[in-house]
């Protein structure tokens, strides 16, 4: 299963990118109400959307996602939770 470019761009442009930039990624050592630090993120909004859509449409495990997107295990877990929350809004 895949997603065409028009659909990807539609999701990105109609809320996902804006919410990604507004959303604070929850960590135990950060203020959940703080200002997001976009320059410190490993993925941009389009990378995060690609990450979560790849996760949802494949049967691969976290290790493969870590390798494909060059993320650590903890980052994969946090980004997956954050992206799912944004998609479900």
Protein backbone atom coordinates (compact mmCIF):
# COMPACT_ATOMS: atom_id res chain seq x y z
CA UNK A 1 0.00 0.00 0.00
CA UNK A 2 1.31 3.44 -0.82
CA UNK A 3 0.30 7.03 -1.02
CA UNK A 4 0.57 9.22 -4.10
CA UNK A 5 2.37 12.58 -4.04
CA UNK A 6 -0.83 14.63 -4.25
CA UNK A 7 -2.29 12.92 -1.17
CA UNK A 8 0.98 13.30 0.72
CA UNK A 9 1.14 17.01 -0.12
CA UNK A 10 -2.53 17.43 0.82
CA UNK A 11 -2.00 15.95 4.29
CA UNK A 12 1.19 17.95 4.75
CA UNK A 13 -0.33 21.25 3.61
CA UNK A 14 -3.68 20.87 5.39
CA UNK A 15 -2.57 20.68 8.97
CA UNK A 16 0.26 18.23 9.50
CA UNK A 17 3.15 20.64 8.82
CA UNK A 18 1.61 23.38 10.94
CA UNK A 19 0.92 21.03 13.87
CA UNK A 20 4.40 19.46 13.61
CA UNK A 21 5.93 22.90 14.03
CA UNK A 22 3.61 23.80 16.94
CA UNK A 23 3.72 20.46 18.75
CA UNK A 24 6.20 19.96 21.60
CA UNK A 25 7.60 16.45 21.51
CA UNK A 26 7.12 15.04 24.98
CA UNK A 27 10.25 14.06 26.91
CA UNK A 28 10.87 13.59 30.59
CA UNK A 29 13.49 16.35 30.63
CA UNK A 30 11.52 19.08 28.80
CA UNK A 31 8.64 21.40 29.53
CA UNK A 32 5.55 19.96 27.76
CA UNK A 33 4.19 23.51 27.44
CA UNK A 34 7.45 24.93 26.14
CA UNK A 35 8.17 26.32 22.71
CA UNK A 36 9.14 23.65 20.15
CA UNK A 37 12.82 23.70 19.14
CA UNK A 38 12.49 22.97 15.42
CA UNK A 39 16.20 23.34 14.70
CA UNK A 40 16.92 20.50 17.15
CA UNK A 41 14.57 17.98 15.49
CA UNK A 42 15.92 15.10 13.45
CA UNK A 43 13.07 15.29 10.93
CA UNK A 44 11.27 18.14 9.19
CA UNK A 45 7.49 18.04 8.81
CA UNK A 46 7.66 16.20 5.49
CA UNK A 47 10.20 13.75 6.91
CA UNK A 48 7.99 13.11 9.93
CA UNK A 49 4.95 12.52 7.72
CA UNK A 50 6.96 10.16 5.54
CA UNK A 51 8.18 8.39 8.68
CA UNK A 52 4.71 7.78 10.12
CA UNK A 53 3.17 6.80 6.79
CA UNK A 54 6.05 4.37 6.24
CA UNK A 55 5.43 2.94 9.70
CA UNK A 56 1.68 2.60 9.12
CA UNK A 57 1.94 0.99 5.70
CA UNK A 58 4.70 -1.54 6.36
CA UNK A 59 5.33 -4.45 8.65
CA UNK A 60 8.91 -3.53 9.48
CA UNK A 61 10.16 -3.15 12.99
CA UNK A 62 11.67 -0.17 14.76
CA UNK A 63 15.22 -1.21 13.93
CA UNK A 64 14.57 -0.83 10.20
CA UNK A 65 12.92 2.56 10.76
CA UNK A 66 15.96 3.64 12.79
CA UNK A 67 18.24 2.71 9.93
CA UNK A 68 16.12 4.24 7.14
CA UNK A 69 15.49 7.55 8.93
CA UNK A 70 18.79 7.68 10.89
CA UNK A 71 17.05 7.90 14.27
CA UNK A 72 17.77 6.40 17.68
CA UNK A 73 15.34 4.00 19.34
CA UNK A 74 14.05 6.64 21.76
CA UNK A 75 13.54 9.14 18.95
CA UNK A 76 11.58 6.60 16.88
CA UNK A 77 9.28 5.97 19.83
CA UNK A 78 8.72 9.68 20.57
CA UNK A 79 8.25 10.64 16.92
CA UNK A 80 5.81 7.78 16.36
CA UNK A 81 3.67 8.90 19.31
CA UNK A 82 3.83 12.55 18.26
CA UNK A 83 3.03 11.88 14.60
CA UNK A 84 0.12 9.59 15.47
CA UNK A 85 -1.31 12.22 17.79
CA UNK A 86 -1.09 14.83 15.02
CA UNK A 87 -2.71 12.54 12.43
CA UNK A 88 -5.55 11.68 14.80
CA UNK A 89 -6.43 15.32 15.50
